[in-house]
Protein backbone atom coordinates (compact mmCIF):
# COMPACT_ATOMS: atom_id res chain seq x y z
CA MET A 1 117.66 72.84 101.12
CA ASN A 2 116.28 74.28 104.06
CA LEU A 3 116.05 78.29 104.61
CA SER A 4 114.48 80.52 106.97
CA ILE A 5 112.22 83.79 105.59
CA VAL A 6 112.89 86.67 107.26
CA ILE A 7 110.57 89.41 106.78
CA PRO A 8 110.32 92.41 108.94
CA ASN A 9 107.34 93.95 109.56
CA TYR A 10 106.31 97.89 110.61
CA ASN A 11 102.52 98.87 109.62
CA GLY A 12 101.95 96.40 106.61
CA LYS A 13 98.87 94.78 107.22
CA ASP A 14 97.79 95.11 103.61
CA LEU A 15 100.76 94.19 102.39
CA LEU A 16 101.48 90.70 104.42
CA ARG A 17 97.69 89.76 103.66
CA LYS A 18 98.84 90.47 99.65
CA ASN A 19 102.06 88.52 99.98
CA LEU A 20 102.97 86.36 103.08
CA PRO A 21 100.62 83.73 101.29
CA LYS A 22 102.37 84.72 97.57
CA VAL A 23 105.91 83.43 100.48
CA ILE A 24 103.92 80.56 101.01
CA GLU A 25 102.91 79.89 96.55
CA ALA A 26 106.78 79.91 96.89
CA LEU A 27 108.17 77.41 99.62
CA LYS A 28 105.34 75.23 97.82
CA THR A 29 106.89 75.79 94.46
CA TYR A 30 110.60 75.34 95.26
CA GLY A 31 109.23 72.06 97.68
CA SER A 32 111.92 71.17 99.45
CA GLY A 33 113.11 70.52 102.89
CA GLU A 34 111.47 72.44 106.09
CA PRO A 35 110.85 76.34 105.96
CA GLU A 36 110.22 78.17 108.26
CA ILE A 37 109.25 81.81 107.87
CA ILE A 38 109.81 84.67 111.01
CA ILE A 39 107.51 88.10 110.92
CA VAL A 40 109.38 90.82 113.18
CA ASP A 41 107.37 93.19 113.53
CA ASP A 42 108.84 96.61 115.25
CA HIS A 43 106.28 97.80 117.08
CA SER A 44 103.22 98.49 114.53
CA THR A 45 100.25 100.77 115.44
CA ASP A 46 97.24 99.06 112.46
CA ASN A 47 97.30 95.80 114.61
CA SER A 48 99.68 94.00 111.96
CA ILE A 49 100.16 90.82 115.00
CA LYS A 50 96.19 90.49 115.12
CA ILE A 51 95.79 90.67 111.01
CA ILE A 52 99.06 87.96 110.38
CA ASP A 53 97.08 85.66 113.35
CA LYS A 54 93.58 85.82 111.78
CA LEU A 55 95.60 85.32 108.40
CA ILE A 56 97.23 81.86 109.68
CA VAL A 57 94.25 81.25 111.03
CA SER A 58 92.02 81.23 108.23
CA LYS A 59 94.07 80.22 105.64
CA LEU A 60 97.58 79.46 106.03
CA PRO A 61 95.77 76.38 109.10
CA GLY A 62 98.80 74.39 107.52
CA TRP A 63 101.83 76.76 107.81
CA ARG A 64 100.94 76.94 111.88
CA ASP A 65 104.02 75.50 113.37
CA ARG A 66 106.18 77.00 110.38
CA ILE A 67 105.47 80.86 110.74
CA ARG A 68 107.05 82.04 113.96
CA VAL A 69 106.48 85.96 114.64
CA LEU A 70 108.28 88.14 117.33
CA LYS A 71 107.95 91.49 118.34
CA ASN A 72 109.32 94.70 119.40
CA GLU A 73 108.65 96.22 122.62
CA LYS A 74 109.95 99.62 121.01
CA ASN A 75 110.74 100.87 117.14
CA LEU A 76 113.99 99.71 116.70
CA GLY A 77 114.46 100.76 113.09
CA PHE A 78 114.64 97.95 110.29
CA ALA A 79 118.27 97.32 111.09
CA LYS A 80 117.54 96.39 114.69
CA THR A 81 114.54 94.02 113.46
CA VAL A 82 115.91 92.42 110.49
CA ASN A 83 119.54 91.56 112.91
CA LYS A 84 116.89 89.97 115.24
CA GLY A 85 114.97 88.07 112.72
CA VAL A 86 118.68 85.88 111.84
CA GLY A 87 119.64 85.92 115.06
CA ARG A 88 116.23 83.94 115.62
CA ALA A 89 117.12 81.95 112.30
CA LYS A 90 117.40 78.00 112.96
CA GLU A 91 118.47 77.97 108.94
CA LYS A 92 121.42 78.03 107.01
CA VAL A 93 120.14 80.40 104.25
CA VAL A 94 118.30 82.97 105.20
CA ILE A 95 116.01 85.23 102.61
CA LEU A 96 114.78 88.52 103.89
CA LEU A 97 111.77 90.07 102.19
CA ASN A 98 110.03 93.34 102.61
CA THR A 99 106.24 93.23 103.28
CA ASP A 100 105.91 95.01 99.77
CA VAL A 101 107.82 92.61 97.96
CA THR A 102 105.71 89.70 96.42
CA PRO A 103 108.15 86.89 95.22
CA GLU A 104 106.99 84.85 91.91
CA LYS A 105 106.61 81.65 92.58
CA ASP A 106 109.20 79.95 91.38
CA PHE A 107 111.93 82.60 92.26
CA LEU A 108 113.26 80.56 94.93
CA GLU A 109 115.30 77.38 92.92
CA PRO A 110 117.81 80.43 90.68
CA LEU A 111 118.62 81.87 93.90
CA LEU A 112 119.61 79.17 95.86
CA LYS A 113 121.41 77.21 93.37
CA HIS A 114 125.05 79.73 94.34
CA PHE A 115 124.42 78.47 98.27
CA LYS A 116 126.67 75.30 97.17
CA ASP A 117 129.42 76.88 96.96
CA GLU A 118 131.01 77.76 100.31
CA LYS A 119 132.16 81.60 99.46
CA ILE A 120 128.99 83.18 98.53
CA PHE A 121 127.93 85.70 101.07
CA ALA A 122 124.49 86.63 99.43
CA VAL A 123 122.30 86.70 96.71
CA GLY A 124 120.40 89.42 95.45
CA CYS A 125 116.28 88.82 93.21
CA MET A 126 115.36 90.84 90.21
CA ASP A 127 113.47 93.32 91.63
CA LYS A 128 110.72 94.38 90.00
CA SER A 129 110.48 98.23 90.99
CA ILE A 130 106.91 99.94 90.41
CA GLU A 131 107.96 103.18 90.66
CA GLY A 132 104.70 105.64 89.76
CA ASN A 133 103.84 104.18 86.44
CA LYS A 134 107.31 102.42 85.67
CA ILE A 135 108.85 99.43 86.49
CA ILE A 136 112.51 99.73 86.75
CA LEU A 137 114.43 96.73 86.63
CA ARG A 138 116.29 97.02 89.88
CA GLY A 139 118.20 94.25 92.18
CA ARG A 140 122.08 94.84 91.10
CA GLY A 141 124.13 97.49 92.44
CA LEU A 142 127.37 99.94 91.53
CA GLY A 143 129.63 101.45 93.73
CA LYS A 144 131.95 103.56 93.11
CA TRP A 145 134.36 106.24 95.35
CA GLU A 146 134.55 109.99 93.77
CA LYS A 147 135.37 112.83 95.08
CA GLY A 148 135.60 111.78 98.81
CA LEU A 149 132.87 109.51 99.01
CA PHE A 150 131.29 106.40 97.76
CA VAL A 151 128.69 106.54 94.90
CA HIS A 152 125.53 104.05 94.59
CA SER A 153 123.55 103.46 91.38
CA ARG A 154 121.33 101.29 90.66
CA GLY A 155 123.26 98.62 87.35
CA GLU A 156 121.71 97.49 84.75
CA VAL A 157 120.65 93.95 85.49
CA ASP A 158 122.00 91.85 81.82
CA LYS A 159 125.45 90.90 84.53
CA THR A 160 125.84 89.10 87.62
CA SER A 161 128.34 90.89 89.90
CA THR A 162 126.79 93.35 92.03
CA PHE A 163 128.26 95.74 94.86
CA TRP A 164 125.65 95.23 97.69
CA VAL A 165 122.53 92.53 97.43
CA ASN A 166 119.46 94.47 99.04
CA GLY A 167 118.63 93.86 102.17
CA GLY A 168 114.98 94.10 101.19
CA SER A 169 114.70 90.77 98.85
CA GLY A 170 118.27 88.84 98.99
CA ALA A 171 119.46 85.65 100.03
CA PHE A 172 122.53 85.24 103.18
CA ARG A 173 124.26 82.81 104.90
CA LYS A 174 124.12 82.37 108.13
CA ASN A 175 127.01 81.52 109.29
CA ILE A 176 129.07 84.15 107.40
CA TRP A 177 126.19 86.44 108.41
CA GLU A 178 127.36 85.77 112.19
CA LYS A 179 130.80 86.66 111.18
CA LEU A 180 130.23 89.90 109.71
CA GLU A 181 127.56 90.69 112.76
CA GLY A 182 125.23 91.44 110.13
CA PHE A 183 123.98 94.62 109.33
CA ASN A 184 125.16 97.49 111.81
CA GLU A 185 122.92 99.37 113.97
CA LEU A 186 124.43 103.14 113.56
CA TYR A 187 122.47 102.84 110.19
CA SER A 188 118.23 102.54 111.88
CA PRO A 189 116.59 103.61 110.75
CA PHE A 190 117.22 102.72 107.71
CA TYR A 191 119.43 102.77 104.63
CA TRP A 192 122.85 101.60 103.45
CA GLU A 193 123.37 98.93 105.85
CA ASP A 194 122.89 96.28 103.17
CA ILE A 195 125.24 97.82 101.44
CA ASP A 196 127.53 98.26 103.92
CA LEU A 197 127.03 94.47 105.06
CA SER A 198 127.54 93.51 102.04
CA TYR A 199 130.36 95.86 101.17
CA ARG A 200 132.48 93.92 104.83
CA ALA A 201 131.75 90.71 103.13
CA LEU A 202 133.90 91.85 100.21
CA LYS A 203 136.48 92.83 102.13
CA SER A 204 136.55 90.36 104.44
CA GLY A 205 136.62 87.44 100.92
CA TYR A 206 133.39 86.50 100.59
CA LYS A 207 131.23 86.76 97.30
CA ILE A 208 128.31 88.23 96.24
CA THR A 209 126.61 87.95 93.09
CA PHE A 210 122.82 88.67 91.32
CA GLU A 211 120.23 86.66 89.82
CA PRO A 212 118.21 87.82 87.06
CA LYS A 213 115.93 83.98 87.18
CA SER A 214 115.35 85.09 90.80
CA ILE A 215 112.10 87.86 90.24
CA VAL A 216 110.46 89.58 92.84
CA MET A 217 108.09 92.46 91.89
CA HIS A 218 108.63 95.60 94.73
CA GLU A 219 106.25 98.22 95.52
CA HIS A 220 108.19 100.63 96.88
CA GLU A 221 105.43 103.37 97.15
CA LYS A 222 103.39 101.43 99.53
CA GLY A 223 106.48 101.07 101.52
CA SER A 224 106.99 102.05 105.29
CA ILE A 225 109.44 104.31 104.58
CA LYS A 226 107.05 106.27 102.05
CA SER A 227 104.22 105.90 104.30
CA THR A 228 106.46 107.28 107.45
CA TYR A 229 109.21 109.67 106.72
CA SER A 230 109.23 112.90 104.28
CA ASP A 231 111.08 113.30 101.68
CA PHE A 232 113.28 115.32 103.28
CA GLU A 233 113.65 113.18 106.46
CA VAL A 234 114.39 110.47 103.67
CA LYS A 235 117.52 112.68 102.23
CA THR A 236 118.85 114.11 105.94
CA ILE A 237 119.19 110.12 106.61
CA ALA A 238 121.30 108.84 103.87
CA TYR A 239 123.57 111.83 104.12
CA ARG A 240 123.99 110.74 107.00
CA ASN A 241 124.69 106.82 106.65
CA GLN A 242 127.02 108.31 103.03
CA PHE A 243 129.17 109.58 105.68
CA ILE A 244 129.14 106.14 108.37
CA PHE A 245 129.24 104.30 105.52
CA VAL A 246 132.60 106.44 104.49
CA TRP A 247 134.36 106.92 107.93
CA GLU A 248 133.81 103.03 108.55
CA ASN A 249 135.16 101.42 105.48
CA ALA A 250 137.68 103.10 104.46
CA THR A 251 140.44 101.46 104.90
CA ASP A 252 143.26 103.22 102.54
CA TYR A 253 144.85 105.95 103.02
CA SER A 254 144.39 107.73 99.79
CA LEU A 255 140.50 107.63 100.51
CA GLN A 256 140.86 108.56 103.78
CA PHE A 257 143.22 111.42 102.38
CA LEU A 258 140.17 111.94 99.53
CA HIS A 259 137.37 112.86 101.47
CA LEU A 260 139.67 114.95 103.91
CA VAL A 261 140.37 117.13 100.41
CA PHE A 262 136.80 117.31 98.78
CA LEU A 263 135.44 117.84 102.15
CA PRO A 264 135.51 121.37 102.05
CA TYR A 265 133.92 121.07 98.09
CA HIS A 266 131.23 119.36 99.78
CA PHE A 267 130.15 121.42 101.80
CA ILE A 268 130.31 124.39 99.91
CA LYS A 269 128.19 123.00 96.83
CA ALA A 270 125.18 121.73 99.78
CA LEU A 271 125.47 125.52 100.71
CA LEU A 272 125.33 126.80 97.62
CA GLY A 273 122.57 124.76 97.00
CA PHE A 274 120.55 125.58 99.91
CA ASP A 275 120.73 121.79 100.91
CA LEU A 276 120.25 121.54 104.48
CA ALA A 277 119.55 118.00 105.03
CA PHE A 278 123.78 117.76 103.81
CA PHE A 279 124.72 119.58 106.65
CA ILE A 280 122.12 117.83 109.18
CA GLY A 281 123.09 115.00 107.67
CA PHE A 282 126.69 115.45 108.23
CA PHE A 283 126.40 116.85 112.03
CA GLU A 284 124.56 113.87 113.20
CA ALA A 285 127.47 111.32 111.89
CA PHE A 286 130.06 113.33 113.17
CA ILE A 287 128.57 112.93 116.57
CA LEU A 288 128.09 109.73 116.42
CA LEU A 289 131.90 109.68 115.22
CA PRO A 290 133.35 107.55 118.32
CA ARG A 291 130.78 105.19 117.57
CA ILE A 292 131.83 104.47 113.90
CA ILE A 293 134.93 104.58 114.93
CA ILE A 294 134.95 101.66 117.93
CA SER A 295 133.10 99.83 114.89
CA SER A 296 135.47 100.34 112.34
CA LEU A 297 138.35 99.11 115.09
CA ASN A 298 135.95 96.00 115.18
CA TYR A 299 135.08 95.33 111.59
CA GLN A 300 138.72 95.56 110.52
CA LYS A 301 139.75 91.98 112.51
CA LEU A 302 138.26 90.40 109.36
CA PHE A 303 139.16 92.61 105.83
CA ILE A 304 141.65 90.87 104.32
CA LYS A 305 141.23 93.13 101.18
CA LYS A 306 142.00 96.56 100.51
CA ASP A 307 139.61 99.34 99.07
CA GLY A 308 141.20 99.16 95.76
CA GLU A 309 141.84 96.03 96.03
CA VAL A 310 137.56 95.28 96.11
CA MET A 311 137.79 97.85 93.21
CA LYS A 312 139.67 96.06 91.02
CA GLU A 313 138.37 92.91 91.64
CA PHE A 314 134.80 94.47 90.50
CA LEU A 315 135.85 96.13 87.68
CA LYS A 316 137.11 93.46 86.08
């Protein structure tokens, strides 16, 4: 199977120097078709482009014609950068890998076998996440509607059902990606865009799954988010995007009603907890409400399942 690998990059020169050869080693192990690698640089300031060019010339000369580097003229954020890369991809299956992700050499075969099923949209990898001095097994996501909000959490990796596929280590069918219009760029600069896309895929009748035999290492502490944004900024963006997700995707009237009923509860809880990030995140989302409504109406044209149906199917 031919495939495209898209790697978004922002100030990740050291990670690319380490992980790009590992990506190519995995492609050689897979040994099928003529894969391509697309690196999309999000206006880095660390000379990433020069490092990539030197790396290709000195260590990866045989791959020069298969590696394309795209450059953003300004910093656009994760969703726009990935959408640009997927848009330029030539193959039917696109694998997204962040620069801080190191794939094991045999991760492709178990990942790609799922695409024999034409209804499969996306497949997630087993993410061995390096967090402090621990390795946490991630890649399978749980989700539920609770007190008027959608809440996500890590799932145990002993099952293949998942609520979303990670946008930093997963495989996606390009023609369905295009039908779903890819990552919603309202979530820029990061977080929730992969949960949103996966949820819209489920509501549109497609399937997603988790593949525990497709293993990658993920150095979260070295990624661009941790190195560029403060904890407060990350928390604020996460709250904002949680509200965007609810306002865009909750189409069951019961969920909309519960969201309105529980909003005062969440405001009081944030007030008592001195959670300033919650209030800033809410109002930043509220400013985007006209665009969120337009987005929601557009996406609903593809929905064939209600929120409740999606939840019931996941819990089977």
